[in-house]
N, C-alpha and C. Protein backbone atom coordinates (compact mmCIF):
# COMPACT_ATOMS: atom_id res chain seq x y z
N MET A 1 -50.13 34.17 -58.30
CA MET A 1 -48.93 33.48 -57.87
C MET A 1 -48.65 33.81 -56.41
N SER A 2 -48.19 32.83 -55.68
CA SER A 2 -47.89 32.99 -54.26
C SER A 2 -46.73 33.94 -54.02
N ASP A 3 -46.61 34.37 -52.79
CA ASP A 3 -45.54 35.23 -52.33
C ASP A 3 -44.42 34.35 -51.77
N ILE A 4 -43.22 34.89 -51.68
CA ILE A 4 -42.08 34.14 -51.14
C ILE A 4 -42.36 33.65 -49.72
N ASP A 5 -43.17 34.39 -48.97
CA ASP A 5 -43.51 33.97 -47.62
C ASP A 5 -44.35 32.69 -47.60
N ASP A 6 -44.97 32.36 -48.72
CA ASP A 6 -45.78 31.16 -48.83
C ASP A 6 -44.97 29.94 -49.26
N VAL A 7 -43.69 30.14 -49.57
CA VAL A 7 -42.85 29.03 -50.00
C VAL A 7 -42.48 28.17 -48.80
N VAL A 8 -42.66 26.87 -48.95
CA VAL A 8 -42.36 25.90 -47.90
C VAL A 8 -41.15 25.08 -48.33
N LEU A 9 -40.21 24.91 -47.41
CA LEU A 9 -39.05 24.04 -47.64
C LEU A 9 -39.26 22.76 -46.85
N ARG A 10 -38.95 21.64 -47.47
CA ARG A 10 -39.07 20.36 -46.79
C ARG A 10 -38.02 19.40 -47.31
N PRO A 11 -37.65 18.39 -46.51
CA PRO A 11 -36.73 17.38 -47.01
C PRO A 11 -37.36 16.63 -48.18
N ALA A 12 -36.57 16.37 -49.20
CA ALA A 12 -37.03 15.60 -50.34
C ALA A 12 -37.11 14.12 -49.96
N CYS A 13 -37.92 13.38 -50.68
CA CYS A 13 -38.07 11.94 -50.45
C CYS A 13 -38.12 11.23 -51.80
N MET A 14 -38.13 9.91 -51.77
CA MET A 14 -38.12 9.13 -53.01
C MET A 14 -39.32 9.48 -53.91
N ALA A 15 -40.43 9.87 -53.33
CA ALA A 15 -41.59 10.26 -54.15
C ALA A 15 -41.30 11.49 -55.00
N ASP A 16 -40.26 12.25 -54.66
CA ASP A 16 -39.88 13.45 -55.41
C ASP A 16 -38.89 13.16 -56.54
N LEU A 17 -38.51 11.90 -56.70
CA LEU A 17 -37.41 11.56 -57.61
C LEU A 17 -37.66 12.07 -59.03
N ASP A 18 -38.83 11.86 -59.59
CA ASP A 18 -39.10 12.31 -60.96
C ASP A 18 -38.96 13.83 -61.08
N THR A 19 -39.48 14.55 -60.11
CA THR A 19 -39.37 16.02 -60.12
C THR A 19 -37.92 16.44 -60.00
N LEU A 20 -37.17 15.80 -59.11
CA LEU A 20 -35.75 16.14 -58.94
C LEU A 20 -34.96 15.85 -60.22
N GLU A 21 -35.29 14.75 -60.89
CA GLU A 21 -34.62 14.45 -62.16
C GLU A 21 -34.97 15.51 -63.22
N ARG A 22 -36.21 15.96 -63.24
CA ARG A 22 -36.62 17.02 -64.17
C ARG A 22 -35.87 18.31 -63.85
N PHE A 23 -35.74 18.64 -62.56
CA PHE A 23 -34.99 19.83 -62.16
C PHE A 23 -33.52 19.69 -62.58
N GLN A 24 -32.96 18.47 -62.41
CA GLN A 24 -31.57 18.25 -62.80
C GLN A 24 -31.40 18.54 -64.30
N GLN A 25 -32.35 18.11 -65.11
CA GLN A 25 -32.25 18.39 -66.55
C GLN A 25 -32.41 19.88 -66.83
N GLY A 26 -33.17 20.58 -66.00
CA GLY A 26 -33.25 22.04 -66.13
C GLY A 26 -31.90 22.70 -65.89
N ILE A 27 -31.17 22.17 -64.92
CA ILE A 27 -29.82 22.70 -64.64
C ILE A 27 -28.90 22.41 -65.83
N VAL A 28 -28.93 21.18 -66.32
CA VAL A 28 -28.09 20.82 -67.47
C VAL A 28 -28.39 21.74 -68.65
N SER A 29 -29.66 21.97 -68.94
CA SER A 29 -30.04 22.85 -70.05
C SER A 29 -29.52 24.27 -69.84
N ALA A 30 -29.64 24.77 -68.62
CA ALA A 30 -29.17 26.13 -68.32
C ALA A 30 -27.65 26.24 -68.42
N GLU A 31 -26.95 25.15 -68.11
CA GLU A 31 -25.48 25.21 -68.10
C GLU A 31 -24.86 24.81 -69.44
N ARG A 32 -25.63 24.21 -70.30
CA ARG A 32 -25.10 23.76 -71.60
C ARG A 32 -24.37 24.87 -72.36
N PRO A 33 -24.87 26.11 -72.40
CA PRO A 33 -24.14 27.16 -73.14
C PRO A 33 -22.75 27.45 -72.57
N PHE A 34 -22.51 27.08 -71.32
CA PHE A 34 -21.23 27.37 -70.69
C PHE A 34 -20.23 26.24 -70.83
N ASP A 35 -20.64 25.09 -71.36
CA ASP A 35 -19.75 23.93 -71.44
C ASP A 35 -19.94 23.18 -72.75
N PRO A 36 -19.10 23.46 -73.73
CA PRO A 36 -19.24 22.81 -75.03
C PRO A 36 -18.93 21.31 -74.99
N LEU A 37 -18.41 20.82 -73.89
CA LEU A 37 -18.05 19.41 -73.81
C LEU A 37 -19.16 18.52 -73.27
N LEU A 38 -20.29 19.10 -72.86
CA LEU A 38 -21.39 18.27 -72.37
C LEU A 38 -21.92 17.41 -73.51
N ARG A 39 -22.19 16.14 -73.20
CA ARG A 39 -22.78 15.24 -74.20
C ARG A 39 -24.13 15.81 -74.64
N ASP A 40 -24.57 15.39 -75.82
CA ASP A 40 -25.85 15.86 -76.36
C ASP A 40 -27.03 15.34 -75.57
N SER A 41 -26.91 14.18 -74.96
CA SER A 41 -28.02 13.61 -74.20
C SER A 41 -27.46 12.73 -73.08
N GLY A 42 -28.34 12.38 -72.15
CA GLY A 42 -27.96 11.47 -71.08
C GLY A 42 -27.08 12.07 -70.00
N VAL A 43 -27.06 13.38 -69.88
CA VAL A 43 -26.23 14.04 -68.86
C VAL A 43 -26.96 14.00 -67.53
N ARG A 44 -26.30 13.42 -66.54
CA ARG A 44 -26.81 13.40 -65.16
C ARG A 44 -25.64 13.76 -64.27
N TYR A 45 -25.71 14.90 -63.63
CA TYR A 45 -24.65 15.31 -62.72
C TYR A 45 -24.65 14.48 -61.44
N TYR A 46 -25.84 14.10 -60.98
CA TYR A 46 -25.98 13.48 -59.67
C TYR A 46 -26.82 12.21 -59.75
N ASP A 47 -26.48 11.25 -58.91
CA ASP A 47 -27.32 10.07 -58.71
C ASP A 47 -28.28 10.42 -57.57
N ILE A 48 -29.41 10.97 -57.94
CA ILE A 48 -30.32 11.54 -56.95
C ILE A 48 -30.90 10.47 -56.04
N ALA A 49 -31.23 9.31 -56.57
CA ALA A 49 -31.78 8.23 -55.73
C ALA A 49 -30.79 7.86 -54.64
N ALA A 50 -29.52 7.75 -54.98
CA ALA A 50 -28.49 7.42 -53.98
C ALA A 50 -28.36 8.56 -52.97
N MET A 51 -28.47 9.79 -53.42
CA MET A 51 -28.36 10.93 -52.51
C MET A 51 -29.50 10.92 -51.50
N LEU A 52 -30.71 10.60 -51.96
CA LEU A 52 -31.86 10.58 -51.06
C LEU A 52 -31.71 9.52 -49.97
N ALA A 53 -30.95 8.47 -50.26
CA ALA A 53 -30.76 7.39 -49.28
C ALA A 53 -29.53 7.61 -48.40
N ASP A 54 -28.75 8.63 -48.67
CA ASP A 54 -27.48 8.86 -47.98
C ASP A 54 -27.69 9.84 -46.81
N PRO A 55 -27.41 9.42 -45.57
CA PRO A 55 -27.61 10.34 -44.43
C PRO A 55 -26.64 11.52 -44.42
N ALA A 56 -25.58 11.46 -45.23
CA ALA A 56 -24.64 12.58 -45.31
C ALA A 56 -25.08 13.61 -46.35
N VAL A 57 -26.26 13.40 -46.94
CA VAL A 57 -26.78 14.33 -47.94
C VAL A 57 -28.16 14.80 -47.48
N HIS A 58 -28.36 16.10 -47.53
CA HIS A 58 -29.65 16.70 -47.17
C HIS A 58 -30.20 17.38 -48.42
N VAL A 59 -31.26 16.79 -48.99
CA VAL A 59 -31.88 17.33 -50.20
C VAL A 59 -33.17 18.04 -49.79
N LEU A 60 -33.31 19.27 -50.23
CA LEU A 60 -34.49 20.07 -49.91
C LEU A 60 -35.33 20.34 -51.16
N MET A 61 -36.63 20.35 -50.95
CA MET A 61 -37.58 20.77 -51.97
C MET A 61 -38.19 22.09 -51.52
N ALA A 62 -38.40 22.98 -52.46
CA ALA A 62 -39.14 24.22 -52.21
C ALA A 62 -40.49 24.06 -52.92
N GLU A 63 -41.56 24.39 -52.20
CA GLU A 63 -42.90 24.25 -52.75
C GLU A 63 -43.69 25.53 -52.54
N ALA A 64 -44.57 25.81 -53.49
CA ALA A 64 -45.53 26.92 -53.38
C ALA A 64 -46.88 26.37 -53.81
N ASP A 65 -47.86 26.60 -52.99
CA ASP A 65 -49.21 26.08 -53.25
C ASP A 65 -49.19 24.57 -53.50
N GLY A 66 -48.30 23.86 -52.80
CA GLY A 66 -48.22 22.41 -52.91
C GLY A 66 -47.49 21.92 -54.14
N LEU A 67 -46.96 22.82 -54.96
CA LEU A 67 -46.25 22.42 -56.18
C LEU A 67 -44.76 22.67 -56.03
N PRO A 68 -43.92 21.76 -56.52
CA PRO A 68 -42.47 21.95 -56.41
C PRO A 68 -42.00 23.08 -57.31
N ILE A 69 -41.19 23.96 -56.73
CA ILE A 69 -40.67 25.10 -57.49
C ILE A 69 -39.14 25.18 -57.44
N GLY A 70 -38.50 24.34 -56.65
CA GLY A 70 -37.05 24.39 -56.56
C GLY A 70 -36.49 23.30 -55.68
N CYS A 71 -35.17 23.18 -55.71
CA CYS A 71 -34.49 22.19 -54.89
C CYS A 71 -33.02 22.57 -54.73
N ALA A 72 -32.37 21.88 -53.82
CA ALA A 72 -30.93 22.02 -53.60
C ALA A 72 -30.51 20.94 -52.61
N PHE A 73 -29.21 20.65 -52.58
CA PHE A 73 -28.73 19.69 -51.59
C PHE A 73 -27.41 20.15 -50.99
N ALA A 74 -27.11 19.59 -49.82
CA ALA A 74 -25.81 19.72 -49.18
C ALA A 74 -25.31 18.31 -48.90
N ARG A 75 -24.05 18.06 -49.25
CA ARG A 75 -23.43 16.76 -49.02
C ARG A 75 -22.17 16.96 -48.17
N ILE A 76 -22.13 16.32 -47.03
CA ILE A 76 -20.97 16.43 -46.15
C ILE A 76 -19.80 15.67 -46.78
N ASP A 77 -18.68 16.36 -46.89
CA ASP A 77 -17.47 15.79 -47.48
C ASP A 77 -16.29 15.97 -46.53
N VAL A 78 -15.28 15.17 -46.76
CA VAL A 78 -14.00 15.34 -46.07
C VAL A 78 -13.17 16.29 -46.95
N PRO A 79 -12.67 17.37 -46.37
CA PRO A 79 -11.90 18.32 -47.19
C PRO A 79 -10.53 17.75 -47.57
N LYS A 80 -9.90 18.42 -48.50
CA LYS A 80 -8.54 18.05 -48.89
C LYS A 80 -7.65 18.12 -47.65
N PRO A 81 -6.70 17.22 -47.54
CA PRO A 81 -5.93 17.11 -46.28
C PRO A 81 -5.10 18.34 -45.92
N TRP A 82 -4.83 19.20 -46.87
CA TRP A 82 -4.02 20.38 -46.56
C TRP A 82 -4.85 21.57 -46.07
N LEU A 83 -6.16 21.42 -46.04
CA LEU A 83 -7.01 22.51 -45.58
C LEU A 83 -7.19 22.46 -44.06
N ARG A 84 -7.44 23.59 -43.44
CA ARG A 84 -7.53 23.70 -41.98
C ARG A 84 -8.80 23.09 -41.40
N HIS A 85 -9.91 23.21 -42.11
CA HIS A 85 -11.17 22.70 -41.56
C HIS A 85 -11.24 21.17 -41.73
N THR A 86 -12.05 20.56 -40.89
CA THR A 86 -12.13 19.09 -40.88
C THR A 86 -13.40 18.55 -41.52
N ARG A 87 -14.39 19.40 -41.72
CA ARG A 87 -15.65 18.98 -42.37
C ARG A 87 -16.12 20.11 -43.27
N GLU A 88 -16.51 19.74 -44.48
CA GLU A 88 -17.08 20.71 -45.39
C GLU A 88 -18.30 20.10 -46.06
N ALA A 89 -19.07 20.94 -46.69
CA ALA A 89 -20.23 20.45 -47.43
C ALA A 89 -20.20 21.02 -48.83
N TYR A 90 -20.57 20.17 -49.76
CA TYR A 90 -20.70 20.56 -51.15
C TYR A 90 -22.18 20.83 -51.41
N LEU A 91 -22.50 21.96 -52.02
CA LEU A 91 -23.87 22.31 -52.37
C LEU A 91 -24.07 22.13 -53.86
N GLY A 92 -25.22 21.57 -54.22
CA GLY A 92 -25.49 21.37 -55.64
C GLY A 92 -26.97 21.19 -55.90
N LEU A 93 -27.27 20.86 -57.15
CA LEU A 93 -28.64 20.65 -57.63
C LEU A 93 -29.52 21.86 -57.28
N MET A 94 -28.92 23.04 -57.39
CA MET A 94 -29.65 24.26 -57.05
C MET A 94 -30.46 24.71 -58.26
N PHE A 95 -31.76 24.52 -58.14
CA PHE A 95 -32.66 24.83 -59.24
C PHE A 95 -33.90 25.53 -58.71
N VAL A 96 -34.34 26.55 -59.44
CA VAL A 96 -35.59 27.24 -59.13
C VAL A 96 -36.32 27.40 -60.46
N GLU A 97 -37.62 27.08 -60.45
CA GLU A 97 -38.43 27.25 -61.66
C GLU A 97 -38.33 28.70 -62.14
N PRO A 98 -38.29 28.90 -63.46
CA PRO A 98 -38.11 30.26 -64.00
C PRO A 98 -39.08 31.30 -63.44
N ALA A 99 -40.32 30.96 -63.24
CA ALA A 99 -41.29 31.93 -62.73
C ALA A 99 -40.98 32.39 -61.31
N TRP A 100 -40.15 31.65 -60.60
CA TRP A 100 -39.82 31.97 -59.21
C TRP A 100 -38.42 32.55 -59.04
N ARG A 101 -37.66 32.64 -60.11
CA ARG A 101 -36.28 33.15 -60.01
C ARG A 101 -36.28 34.62 -59.65
N GLY A 102 -35.28 35.01 -58.86
CA GLY A 102 -35.15 36.41 -58.46
C GLY A 102 -36.09 36.81 -57.34
N ARG A 103 -36.74 35.84 -56.72
CA ARG A 103 -37.71 36.14 -55.66
C ARG A 103 -37.27 35.63 -54.30
N GLY A 104 -36.04 35.14 -54.20
CA GLY A 104 -35.51 34.73 -52.90
C GLY A 104 -35.60 33.25 -52.58
N VAL A 105 -36.06 32.43 -53.52
CA VAL A 105 -36.19 31.00 -53.25
C VAL A 105 -34.81 30.37 -53.05
N ASN A 106 -33.88 30.67 -53.95
CA ASN A 106 -32.54 30.10 -53.82
C ASN A 106 -31.88 30.55 -52.51
N ALA A 107 -32.07 31.80 -52.14
CA ALA A 107 -31.51 32.29 -50.88
C ALA A 107 -32.08 31.52 -49.69
N ARG A 108 -33.37 31.24 -49.72
CA ARG A 108 -33.99 30.45 -48.65
C ARG A 108 -33.43 29.04 -48.61
N LEU A 109 -33.26 28.42 -49.78
CA LEU A 109 -32.68 27.08 -49.84
C LEU A 109 -31.26 27.10 -49.28
N LEU A 110 -30.45 28.07 -49.71
CA LEU A 110 -29.07 28.17 -49.22
C LEU A 110 -29.03 28.37 -47.71
N SER A 111 -29.88 29.21 -47.19
CA SER A 111 -29.92 29.48 -45.75
C SER A 111 -30.28 28.21 -44.97
N ALA A 112 -31.28 27.49 -45.45
CA ALA A 112 -31.70 26.27 -44.77
C ALA A 112 -30.61 25.20 -44.83
N LEU A 113 -29.94 25.09 -45.97
CA LEU A 113 -28.84 24.12 -46.08
C LEU A 113 -27.67 24.52 -45.18
N ALA A 114 -27.37 25.81 -45.11
CA ALA A 114 -26.30 26.27 -44.23
C ALA A 114 -26.62 25.95 -42.77
N GLN A 115 -27.87 26.13 -42.39
CA GLN A 115 -28.27 25.80 -41.02
C GLN A 115 -28.10 24.30 -40.75
N TRP A 116 -28.53 23.47 -41.67
CA TRP A 116 -28.36 22.02 -41.51
C TRP A 116 -26.87 21.68 -41.39
N CYS A 117 -26.05 22.33 -42.21
CA CYS A 117 -24.60 22.07 -42.16
C CYS A 117 -24.01 22.47 -40.81
N ARG A 118 -24.43 23.61 -40.27
CA ARG A 118 -23.95 24.01 -38.94
C ARG A 118 -24.31 22.95 -37.91
N GLU A 119 -25.52 22.41 -37.99
CA GLU A 119 -25.95 21.37 -37.06
C GLU A 119 -25.13 20.09 -37.20
N GLN A 120 -24.48 19.91 -38.36
CA GLN A 120 -23.63 18.74 -38.60
C GLN A 120 -22.15 19.06 -38.32
N ASP A 121 -21.88 20.20 -37.69
CA ASP A 121 -20.52 20.65 -37.38
C ASP A 121 -19.67 20.88 -38.63
N VAL A 122 -20.31 21.31 -39.71
CA VAL A 122 -19.61 21.68 -40.93
C VAL A 122 -19.27 23.16 -40.84
N SER A 123 -18.03 23.49 -41.21
CA SER A 123 -17.60 24.88 -41.09
C SER A 123 -17.29 25.55 -42.43
N GLU A 124 -17.42 24.82 -43.52
CA GLU A 124 -17.06 25.37 -44.84
C GLU A 124 -18.04 24.84 -45.88
N LEU A 125 -18.57 25.74 -46.70
CA LEU A 125 -19.45 25.34 -47.80
C LEU A 125 -18.74 25.57 -49.12
N ARG A 126 -18.94 24.65 -50.04
CA ARG A 126 -18.33 24.74 -51.36
C ARG A 126 -19.39 24.49 -52.41
N LEU A 127 -19.22 25.06 -53.59
CA LEU A 127 -20.09 24.77 -54.72
C LEU A 127 -19.33 25.05 -56.00
N ASP A 128 -19.87 24.54 -57.09
CA ASP A 128 -19.29 24.79 -58.42
C ASP A 128 -20.23 25.68 -59.20
N VAL A 129 -19.67 26.60 -59.94
CA VAL A 129 -20.45 27.46 -60.81
C VAL A 129 -19.57 27.80 -62.02
N TYR A 130 -20.16 27.80 -63.19
CA TYR A 130 -19.41 28.19 -64.38
C TYR A 130 -19.06 29.66 -64.28
N ALA A 131 -17.79 29.99 -64.49
CA ALA A 131 -17.32 31.37 -64.36
C ALA A 131 -18.08 32.31 -65.27
N GLU A 132 -18.53 31.83 -66.44
CA GLU A 132 -19.25 32.68 -67.39
C GLU A 132 -20.74 32.82 -67.06
N ASN A 133 -21.21 32.10 -66.04
CA ASN A 133 -22.62 32.18 -65.64
C ASN A 133 -22.77 33.36 -64.66
N ALA A 134 -22.78 34.55 -65.24
CA ALA A 134 -22.72 35.78 -64.43
C ALA A 134 -23.86 35.89 -63.42
N SER A 135 -25.07 35.52 -63.80
CA SER A 135 -26.19 35.66 -62.87
C SER A 135 -26.02 34.72 -61.67
N ALA A 136 -25.54 33.51 -61.90
CA ALA A 136 -25.31 32.58 -60.79
C ALA A 136 -24.16 33.05 -59.91
N VAL A 137 -23.10 33.52 -60.54
CA VAL A 137 -21.96 34.02 -59.76
C VAL A 137 -22.41 35.18 -58.87
N ARG A 138 -23.21 36.11 -59.42
CA ARG A 138 -23.72 37.23 -58.62
C ARG A 138 -24.57 36.73 -57.45
N ALA A 139 -25.43 35.76 -57.71
CA ALA A 139 -26.30 35.23 -56.65
C ALA A 139 -25.48 34.60 -55.54
N TYR A 140 -24.44 33.87 -55.88
CA TYR A 140 -23.62 33.23 -54.85
C TYR A 140 -22.77 34.26 -54.10
N HIS A 141 -22.28 35.28 -54.80
CA HIS A 141 -21.59 36.39 -54.11
C HIS A 141 -22.54 37.03 -53.09
N LYS A 142 -23.75 37.31 -53.52
CA LYS A 142 -24.75 37.94 -52.66
C LYS A 142 -25.03 37.08 -51.43
N ALA A 143 -24.97 35.76 -51.60
CA ALA A 143 -25.23 34.83 -50.50
C ALA A 143 -24.01 34.66 -49.58
N GLY A 144 -22.88 35.28 -49.94
CA GLY A 144 -21.70 35.22 -49.07
C GLY A 144 -20.56 34.35 -49.57
N PHE A 145 -20.70 33.75 -50.74
CA PHE A 145 -19.63 32.92 -51.29
C PHE A 145 -18.60 33.81 -51.98
N SER A 146 -17.37 33.33 -52.03
CA SER A 146 -16.32 34.03 -52.76
C SER A 146 -15.57 33.02 -53.61
N PRO A 147 -14.99 33.48 -54.72
CA PRO A 147 -14.25 32.56 -55.58
C PRO A 147 -13.07 31.94 -54.85
N SER A 148 -12.76 30.72 -55.24
CA SER A 148 -11.62 30.02 -54.66
C SER A 148 -10.72 29.58 -55.81
N MET A 149 -10.66 28.32 -56.06
CA MET A 149 -9.84 27.76 -57.13
C MET A 149 -10.56 27.90 -58.46
N VAL A 150 -9.83 28.24 -59.50
CA VAL A 150 -10.39 28.28 -60.85
C VAL A 150 -9.91 27.02 -61.56
N GLU A 151 -10.85 26.24 -62.07
CA GLU A 151 -10.49 25.04 -62.85
C GLU A 151 -10.21 25.48 -64.27
N MET A 152 -9.05 25.10 -64.77
CA MET A 152 -8.67 25.44 -66.15
C MET A 152 -8.75 24.17 -66.99
N ARG A 153 -9.02 24.33 -68.28
CA ARG A 153 -9.07 23.19 -69.18
C ARG A 153 -8.51 23.59 -70.52
N MET A 154 -8.07 22.57 -71.27
CA MET A 154 -7.56 22.78 -72.62
C MET A 154 -7.89 21.54 -73.43
N THR A 155 -8.51 21.73 -74.58
CA THR A 155 -8.82 20.63 -75.47
C THR A 155 -7.61 20.39 -76.35
N LEU A 156 -7.19 19.15 -76.43
CA LEU A 156 -6.08 18.80 -77.30
C LEU A 156 -6.63 18.37 -78.66
N ALA A 157 -6.14 19.01 -79.71
CA ALA A 157 -6.56 18.66 -81.06
C ALA A 157 -5.92 17.33 -81.45
N SER A 158 -6.50 16.64 -82.41
CA SER A 158 -5.90 15.39 -82.86
C SER A 158 -4.50 15.66 -83.39
N GLY A 159 -3.61 14.72 -83.20
CA GLY A 159 -2.23 14.90 -83.62
C GLY A 159 -1.36 15.52 -82.54
N GLY A 160 -1.94 15.81 -81.38
CA GLY A 160 -1.14 16.27 -80.26
C GLY A 160 -0.99 17.77 -80.14
N ASP A 161 -1.54 18.56 -81.09
CA ASP A 161 -1.45 20.01 -80.97
C ASP A 161 -2.36 20.47 -79.84
N ALA A 162 -1.87 21.36 -79.03
CA ALA A 162 -2.64 21.83 -77.88
C ALA A 162 -3.56 22.97 -78.28
N GLY A 163 -4.69 23.00 -77.62
CA GLY A 163 -5.53 24.18 -77.66
C GLY A 163 -6.65 24.16 -78.68
N ASP A 164 -7.45 25.20 -78.57
CA ASP A 164 -8.52 25.46 -79.52
C ASP A 164 -8.43 26.94 -79.85
N ASP A 165 -9.45 27.51 -80.41
CA ASP A 165 -9.37 28.91 -80.81
C ASP A 165 -9.27 29.87 -79.63
N ARG A 166 -9.43 29.37 -78.42
CA ARG A 166 -9.31 30.25 -77.25
C ARG A 166 -7.92 30.19 -76.63
N THR A 167 -7.02 29.36 -77.18
CA THR A 167 -5.69 29.24 -76.62
C THR A 167 -4.94 30.57 -76.76
N ASP A 168 -4.26 30.96 -75.70
CA ASP A 168 -3.54 32.22 -75.68
C ASP A 168 -2.19 32.04 -76.35
N LYS A 169 -2.10 32.41 -77.61
CA LYS A 169 -0.86 32.25 -78.38
C LYS A 169 0.22 33.22 -77.91
N THR A 170 -0.18 34.32 -77.28
CA THR A 170 0.81 35.31 -76.87
C THR A 170 1.68 34.83 -75.72
N ASN A 171 1.18 33.86 -74.96
CA ASN A 171 1.97 33.35 -73.84
C ASN A 171 2.64 32.03 -74.16
N GLY A 172 2.61 31.65 -75.43
CA GLY A 172 3.30 30.45 -75.84
C GLY A 172 2.59 29.16 -75.44
N VAL A 173 1.33 29.24 -75.06
CA VAL A 173 0.59 28.03 -74.67
C VAL A 173 -0.08 27.44 -75.88
């Protein structure tokens, strides 16, 4: 197996679409244990073909020995109007083949995307990660990210009763 120094990063293209879709399903499979609301099939977080055609999106492929081993993208977004910065980028589709995990591929992808974002005058990077996905949270902390807003959810039972077995009854919710 190649060394991390042999990993090549390049912009993705339409010829990579099948591989990127396979990687997307790898992400869905990895995240399924953290989200009981995901549909059983047909889950697609991203319209990858549209992203590849969008100049505001930079999709990268990581390759070793000419074979794809990972990917990630940065999408330039307009931040919420109450925030101080004027341009931000959302990072997603971060996938590394299991045999390459823990070897610095994701860090290389993040670094390259951050550089592209700087060149686009982006000053803030954002991403989503399931709070219970401890290994991903650690990796993003290590890369310099810090938690921001926590998204909360509550499933309403039929008949209008709030909550599920995780509802905090002690606080009257």
